[in-house]
Amino acid sequence: MKKILIAVTLILLLLTITNPSIKRFKDFVGSNSYRGLRRTNNLILFSYYTNNEEKKYLGVLFNFFDVTKQSVKKQYDSYLPDTTSSNIDINKRMSDSEFNKEFDKAVKKTGIK
C-alpha cells in the first residue's frame, strides 16, 4: 500500500512540475507576442489554452494537444468506413451470410482488427 501511495504521489508531482507555462505555449504556437494567447484554465496538473484562432489546446507534461472539437472529430473520422460510397445499397435485402461477408469486407477496408 505504501508503494502505491509513493507512486501516485510521484506521478502527481511529475504532472504538477511539467504543467507548461504560457511562455511555453507562446513558443509552441510560434508567436512573437502574448497577444491573443490565454491560459483559460490552470488545473495544477494540466492547463487549457486558447489562441487568437479560437483553437483550444491541452497542456500537459510540457506538451500541447489540439482539443478543438473539429480537430478531434477529424482524427476519429479516419477510423470510420466510407458510407457515402456508391457500392453500398441500403435498400438491398440480404441473408445473414451475405451481410456477414459485406461486413467483413467493410472492416478489412478500415484496417481495424
Protein backbone atom coordinates (compact mmCIF):
# COMPACT_ATOMS: atom_id res chain seq x y z
CA MET A 1 0.00 0.00 0.00
CA LYS A 2 2.86 2.34 0.83
CA LYS A 3 4.47 1.72 -2.59
CA ILE A 4 1.23 2.60 -4.37
CA LEU A 5 0.92 5.82 -2.38
CA ILE A 6 4.50 6.77 -3.25
CA ALA A 7 3.93 6.00 -6.95
CA VAL A 8 0.74 8.08 -7.09
CA THR A 9 2.47 10.95 -5.28
CA LEU A 10 5.38 10.85 -7.75
CA ILE A 11 3.02 10.86 -10.74
CA LEU A 12 1.08 13.83 -9.35
CA LEU A 13 4.33 15.65 -8.61
CA LEU A 14 5.59 14.98 -12.15
CA LEU A 15 2.35 16.33 -13.66
CA THR A 16 2.49 19.42 -11.44
CA ILE A 17 6.11 20.21 -12.28
CA THR A 18 5.63 19.68 -16.03
CA ASN A 19 2.44 21.76 -16.34
CA PRO A 20 3.51 24.06 -19.22
CA SER A 21 3.58 27.83 -18.79
CA ILE A 22 2.10 30.48 -21.07
CA LYS A 23 5.66 31.17 -22.28
CA ARG A 24 5.98 27.58 -23.48
CA PHE A 25 2.58 27.93 -25.18
CA LYS A 26 3.80 31.09 -26.93
CA ASP A 27 6.87 29.20 -28.16
CA PHE A 28 4.70 26.25 -29.25
CA VAL A 29 2.35 28.45 -31.29
CA GLY A 30 5.31 30.36 -32.75
CA SER A 31 4.00 33.75 -31.74
CA ASN A 32 6.22 36.79 -31.17
CA SER A 33 3.88 38.28 -28.57
CA TYR A 34 1.37 37.16 -25.99
CA ARG A 35 -1.49 38.95 -27.77
CA GLY A 36 -4.43 36.58 -28.24
CA LEU A 37 -2.87 33.79 -26.16
CA ARG A 38 -4.65 32.81 -22.96
CA ARG A 39 -4.48 30.13 -20.32
CA THR A 40 -8.19 29.57 -19.84
CA ASN A 41 -7.89 27.02 -17.01
CA ASN A 42 -4.95 26.15 -14.80
CA LEU A 43 -5.81 22.90 -13.07
CA ILE A 44 -2.35 22.49 -11.48
CA LEU A 45 -1.73 19.09 -13.15
CA PHE A 46 -2.57 20.38 -16.64
CA SER A 47 -3.89 23.54 -18.29
CA TYR A 48 -6.17 24.61 -21.12
CA TYR A 49 -5.02 27.29 -23.56
CA THR A 50 -6.57 29.19 -26.47
CA ASN A 51 -5.01 31.28 -29.19
CA ASN A 52 -6.46 34.06 -31.32
CA GLU A 53 -7.65 31.47 -33.89
CA GLU A 54 -10.01 30.09 -31.20
CA LYS A 55 -8.22 26.76 -31.18
CA LYS A 56 -8.14 25.02 -27.83
CA TYR A 57 -5.11 23.17 -26.52
CA LEU A 58 -4.48 20.89 -23.56
CA GLY A 59 -1.08 21.47 -21.98
CA VAL A 60 0.37 18.54 -20.04
CA LEU A 61 3.90 17.15 -19.50
CA PHE A 62 5.42 20.17 -21.34
CA ASN A 63 3.37 19.23 -24.45
CA PHE A 64 0.30 20.70 -26.13
CA PHE A 65 -2.53 18.79 -27.78
CA ASP A 66 -5.17 20.34 -30.04
CA VAL A 67 -8.55 19.57 -28.45
CA THR A 68 -10.70 21.76 -30.69
CA LYS A 69 -13.92 19.85 -31.44
CA GLN A 70 -13.38 19.79 -35.23
CA SER A 71 -9.80 18.57 -34.79
CA VAL A 72 -10.85 15.68 -32.55
CA LYS A 73 -13.73 14.76 -34.88
CA LYS A 74 -11.43 14.68 -37.94
CA GLN A 75 -8.99 12.48 -36.04
CA TYR A 76 -11.60 9.80 -35.35
CA ASP A 77 -13.43 10.05 -38.68
CA SER A 78 -10.49 8.33 -40.36
CA TYR A 79 -11.39 5.13 -38.49
CA LEU A 80 -14.95 5.03 -39.81
CA PRO A 81 -15.83 3.24 -43.05
CA ASP A 82 -16.88 5.36 -46.02
CA THR A 83 -20.68 5.07 -46.00
CA THR A 84 -21.11 7.57 -48.84
CA SER A 85 -19.67 5.11 -51.32
CA SER A 86 -21.89 4.17 -54.24
CA ASN A 87 -21.24 0.44 -53.71
CA ILE A 88 -23.41 0.37 -50.59
CA ASP A 89 -27.08 -0.23 -51.25
CA ILE A 90 -29.02 0.34 -48.04
CA ASN A 91 -32.28 -0.89 -49.58
CA LYS A 92 -30.85 -4.25 -50.64
CA ARG A 93 -32.18 -7.21 -48.70
CA MET A 94 -29.64 -9.90 -47.97
CA SER A 95 -29.28 -13.04 -45.96
CA ASP A 96 -27.25 -13.21 -42.78
CA SER A 97 -24.32 -14.84 -44.56
CA GLU A 98 -24.34 -12.15 -47.28
CA PHE A 99 -24.48 -9.46 -44.62
CA ASN A 100 -21.56 -11.04 -42.74
CA LYS A 101 -19.47 -11.12 -45.95
CA GLU A 102 -20.21 -7.45 -46.68
CA PHE A 103 -19.48 -6.52 -43.10
CA ASP A 104 -16.15 -8.37 -43.16
CA LYS A 105 -15.20 -6.56 -46.39
CA ALA A 106 -16.00 -3.18 -44.82
CA VAL A 107 -13.97 -3.98 -41.71
CA LYS A 108 -10.98 -5.09 -43.80
CA LYS A 109 -11.09 -1.77 -45.69
CA THR A 110 -10.79 0.19 -42.44
CA GLY A 111 -7.80 -1.81 -41.25
CA ILE A 112 -9.34 -2.37 -37.81
CA LYS A 113 -8.57 -5.77 -36.33
